Amino acid sequence: MKNTAAPQPSKGEDHSTRLFRVQELTARLGVGRSTVYDWLQNPDPEHPFPRPVKIGRITAWRASDVQAWLDALPASVAA
């Protein structure tokens, strides 16, 4: 059974500069790659998923943006 609880940052984890590639992001959120890209294509008007940053050919998400998105989700969705 998949754990659907929102992931919590590790103690001492610096979210100001940390970047998640899609593989790590999907593992942390417990969703598939297509779900992440669906959230980007069809954003929730109240809680849009953070936009990734591009570094050359690399796509990544700022950990601070992802954590802020998780924190803003209603408890019924994040639980």
N, C-alpha and C. Protein backbone atom coordinates (compact mmCIF):
# COMPACT_ATOMS: atom_id res chain seq x y z
N MET A 1 0.84 -1.17 0.00
CA MET A 1 0.00 0.00 0.00
C MET A 1 0.89 1.24 0.00
N LYS A 2 0.55 2.20 -0.84
CA LYS A 2 1.35 3.42 -0.97
C LYS A 2 1.06 4.38 0.17
N ASN A 3 2.12 4.98 0.69
CA ASN A 3 1.97 6.00 1.71
C ASN A 3 1.59 7.30 1.02
N THR A 4 0.40 7.84 1.34
CA THR A 4 -0.07 9.06 0.68
C THR A 4 0.15 10.30 1.53
N ALA A 5 0.77 10.15 2.69
CA ALA A 5 1.05 11.32 3.52
C ALA A 5 2.08 12.21 2.85
N ALA A 6 1.92 13.51 3.06
CA ALA A 6 2.86 14.46 2.48
C ALA A 6 4.25 14.23 3.04
N PRO A 7 5.26 14.20 2.19
CA PRO A 7 6.62 13.98 2.69
C PRO A 7 7.10 15.16 3.51
N GLN A 8 7.84 14.86 4.53
CA GLN A 8 8.39 15.90 5.40
C GLN A 8 9.88 16.02 5.12
N PRO A 9 10.41 17.24 5.18
CA PRO A 9 11.84 17.40 4.94
C PRO A 9 12.64 16.79 6.07
N SER A 10 13.83 16.33 5.74
CA SER A 10 14.74 15.79 6.76
C SER A 10 15.23 16.94 7.61
N LYS A 11 15.56 16.63 8.86
CA LYS A 11 16.09 17.67 9.74
C LYS A 11 17.36 18.22 9.11
N GLY A 12 17.45 19.54 9.10
CA GLY A 12 18.63 20.19 8.57
C GLY A 12 18.66 20.28 7.05
N GLU A 13 17.63 19.82 6.38
CA GLU A 13 17.61 19.87 4.92
C GLU A 13 17.37 21.31 4.47
N ASP A 14 18.24 21.83 3.63
CA ASP A 14 18.16 23.20 3.16
C ASP A 14 17.31 23.26 1.91
N HIS A 15 16.10 23.81 2.03
CA HIS A 15 15.19 23.89 0.89
C HIS A 15 15.42 25.12 0.04
N SER A 16 16.31 26.02 0.46
CA SER A 16 16.49 27.25 -0.29
C SER A 16 17.21 27.02 -1.62
N THR A 17 18.09 26.03 -1.70
CA THR A 17 18.85 25.82 -2.92
C THR A 17 18.72 24.40 -3.48
N ARG A 18 18.07 23.52 -2.78
CA ARG A 18 17.94 22.12 -3.20
C ARG A 18 17.04 22.03 -4.42
N LEU A 19 17.43 21.20 -5.39
CA LEU A 19 16.63 20.96 -6.58
C LEU A 19 16.29 19.49 -6.67
N PHE A 20 15.06 19.20 -7.10
CA PHE A 20 14.61 17.83 -7.32
C PHE A 20 14.48 17.59 -8.81
N ARG A 21 15.15 16.55 -9.31
CA ARG A 21 14.89 16.09 -10.68
C ARG A 21 13.59 15.30 -10.62
N VAL A 22 13.00 15.03 -11.76
CA VAL A 22 11.67 14.41 -11.79
C VAL A 22 11.65 13.05 -11.08
N GLN A 23 12.73 12.27 -11.18
CA GLN A 23 12.75 10.95 -10.54
C GLN A 23 12.65 11.09 -9.02
N GLU A 24 13.40 12.01 -8.45
CA GLU A 24 13.35 12.20 -7.00
C GLU A 24 12.03 12.83 -6.58
N LEU A 25 11.54 13.77 -7.38
CA LEU A 25 10.28 14.42 -7.07
C LEU A 25 9.13 13.42 -7.02
N THR A 26 9.06 12.55 -8.02
CA THR A 26 7.97 11.57 -8.04
C THR A 26 8.09 10.59 -6.88
N ALA A 27 9.32 10.22 -6.53
CA ALA A 27 9.51 9.31 -5.40
C ALA A 27 9.08 9.98 -4.09
N ARG A 28 9.43 11.23 -3.91
CA ARG A 28 9.06 11.95 -2.69
C ARG A 28 7.56 12.18 -2.58
N LEU A 29 6.91 12.43 -3.72
CA LEU A 29 5.48 12.71 -3.70
C LEU A 29 4.64 11.44 -3.80
N GLY A 30 5.24 10.34 -4.21
CA GLY A 30 4.50 9.09 -4.33
C GLY A 30 3.54 9.09 -5.51
N VAL A 31 3.91 9.78 -6.58
CA VAL A 31 3.09 9.83 -7.80
C VAL A 31 3.97 9.50 -8.99
N GLY A 32 3.34 9.24 -10.11
CA GLY A 32 4.08 8.94 -11.33
C GLY A 32 4.50 10.19 -12.07
N ARG A 33 5.43 10.02 -12.97
CA ARG A 33 5.94 11.12 -13.80
C ARG A 33 4.81 11.79 -14.59
N SER A 34 3.92 10.99 -15.14
CA SER A 34 2.83 11.57 -15.93
C SER A 34 1.91 12.43 -15.06
N THR A 35 1.75 12.09 -13.80
CA THR A 35 0.94 12.90 -12.89
C THR A 35 1.55 14.27 -12.70
N VAL A 36 2.86 14.33 -12.51
CA VAL A 36 3.54 15.62 -12.34
C VAL A 36 3.32 16.48 -13.58
N TYR A 37 3.50 15.93 -14.76
CA TYR A 37 3.34 16.71 -15.97
C TYR A 37 1.87 17.06 -16.23
N ASP A 38 0.96 16.21 -15.77
CA ASP A 38 -0.47 16.54 -15.86
C ASP A 38 -0.79 17.74 -14.96
N TRP A 39 -0.21 17.76 -13.75
CA TRP A 39 -0.42 18.91 -12.85
C TRP A 39 0.08 20.19 -13.49
N LEU A 40 1.15 20.11 -14.28
CA LEU A 40 1.67 21.30 -14.95
C LEU A 40 0.78 21.73 -16.11
N GLN A 41 0.26 20.76 -16.85
CA GLN A 41 -0.58 21.06 -18.01
C GLN A 41 -1.99 21.51 -17.62
N ASN A 42 -2.49 20.98 -16.52
CA ASN A 42 -3.86 21.26 -16.05
C ASN A 42 -3.81 21.71 -14.60
N PRO A 43 -3.31 22.91 -14.35
CA PRO A 43 -3.12 23.34 -12.97
C PRO A 43 -4.42 23.54 -12.20
N ASP A 44 -4.37 23.22 -10.92
CA ASP A 44 -5.47 23.50 -10.00
C ASP A 44 -5.46 25.02 -9.80
N PRO A 45 -6.57 25.71 -10.06
CA PRO A 45 -6.56 27.17 -9.95
C PRO A 45 -6.22 27.67 -8.55
N GLU A 46 -6.55 26.90 -7.52
CA GLU A 46 -6.28 27.34 -6.15
C GLU A 46 -4.89 26.93 -5.67
N HIS A 47 -4.37 25.82 -6.16
CA HIS A 47 -3.08 25.31 -5.70
C HIS A 47 -2.26 24.78 -6.89
N PRO A 48 -1.83 25.68 -7.79
CA PRO A 48 -1.07 25.20 -8.95
C PRO A 48 0.27 24.59 -8.53
N PHE A 49 0.63 23.53 -9.21
CA PHE A 49 1.90 22.87 -8.94
C PHE A 49 3.02 23.80 -9.38
N PRO A 50 4.13 23.85 -8.63
CA PRO A 50 5.22 24.76 -8.98
C PRO A 50 5.81 24.45 -10.36
N ARG A 51 6.19 25.50 -11.06
CA ARG A 51 6.83 25.36 -12.35
C ARG A 51 8.27 24.92 -12.15
N PRO A 52 8.77 24.07 -13.02
CA PRO A 52 10.17 23.67 -12.90
C PRO A 52 11.10 24.77 -13.42
N VAL A 53 12.35 24.63 -13.07
CA VAL A 53 13.39 25.51 -13.63
C VAL A 53 14.17 24.69 -14.64
N LYS A 54 14.66 25.36 -15.65
CA LYS A 54 15.48 24.70 -16.67
C LYS A 54 16.91 25.15 -16.48
N ILE A 55 17.81 24.19 -16.42
CA ILE A 55 19.25 24.47 -16.34
C ILE A 55 19.85 23.70 -17.51
N GLY A 56 20.07 24.41 -18.60
CA GLY A 56 20.49 23.72 -19.82
C GLY A 56 19.36 22.80 -20.27
N ARG A 57 19.67 21.52 -20.39
CA ARG A 57 18.65 20.54 -20.77
C ARG A 57 17.99 19.88 -19.58
N ILE A 58 18.39 20.26 -18.39
CA ILE A 58 17.88 19.64 -17.16
C ILE A 58 16.65 20.39 -16.67
N THR A 59 15.63 19.63 -16.30
CA THR A 59 14.42 20.18 -15.69
C THR A 59 14.43 19.76 -14.22
N ALA A 60 14.21 20.73 -13.34
CA ALA A 60 14.22 20.44 -11.91
C ALA A 60 13.26 21.38 -11.20
N TRP A 61 12.87 20.99 -10.01
CA TRP A 61 11.98 21.79 -9.18
C TRP A 61 12.71 22.23 -7.93
N ARG A 62 12.52 23.48 -7.53
CA ARG A 62 13.10 23.97 -6.28
C ARG A 62 12.38 23.29 -5.13
N ALA A 63 13.14 22.73 -4.20
CA ALA A 63 12.56 22.06 -3.04
C ALA A 63 11.70 23.03 -2.25
N SER A 64 12.12 24.28 -2.15
CA SER A 64 11.34 25.27 -1.40
C SER A 64 9.97 25.51 -2.05
N ASP A 65 9.90 25.49 -3.39
CA ASP A 65 8.62 25.66 -4.09
C ASP A 65 7.71 24.46 -3.85
N VAL A 66 8.30 23.27 -3.91
CA VAL A 66 7.51 22.05 -3.69
C VAL A 66 7.00 22.01 -2.25
N GLN A 67 7.85 22.36 -1.28
CA GLN A 67 7.42 22.35 0.11
C GLN A 67 6.33 23.39 0.35
N ALA A 68 6.45 24.57 -0.25
CA ALA A 68 5.42 25.60 -0.10
C ALA A 68 4.09 25.11 -0.69
N TRP A 69 4.16 24.41 -1.83
CA TRP A 69 2.96 23.85 -2.44
C TRP A 69 2.33 22.81 -1.52
N LEU A 70 3.14 21.92 -0.95
CA LEU A 70 2.63 20.92 -0.02
C LEU A 70 1.99 21.57 1.20
N ASP A 71 2.65 22.60 1.73
CA ASP A 71 2.14 23.29 2.92
C ASP A 71 0.81 24.00 2.63
N ALA A 72 0.60 24.44 1.38
CA ALA A 72 -0.61 25.17 1.03
C ALA A 72 -1.78 24.25 0.71
N LEU A 73 -1.53 22.97 0.50
CA LEU A 73 -2.62 22.04 0.19
C LEU A 73 -3.54 21.89 1.40
N PRO A 74 -4.84 21.77 1.14
CA PRO A 74 -5.75 21.50 2.26
C PRO A 74 -5.39 20.17 2.92
N ALA A 75 -5.64 20.06 4.18
CA ALA A 75 -5.30 18.84 4.95
C ALA A 75 -5.95 17.60 4.34
N SER A 76 -7.15 17.74 3.79
CA SER A 76 -7.85 16.58 3.22
C SER A 76 -7.14 16.05 1.97
N VAL A 77 -6.42 16.91 1.26
CA VAL A 77 -5.69 16.49 0.05
C VAL A 77 -4.30 15.98 0.42
N ALA A 78 -3.63 16.66 1.33
CA ALA A 78 -2.25 16.33 1.70
C ALA A 78 -2.16 15.08 2.55
N ALA A 79 -3.24 14.67 3.18
CA ALA A 79 -3.20 13.50 4.09
C ALA A 79 -3.31 12.20 3.35
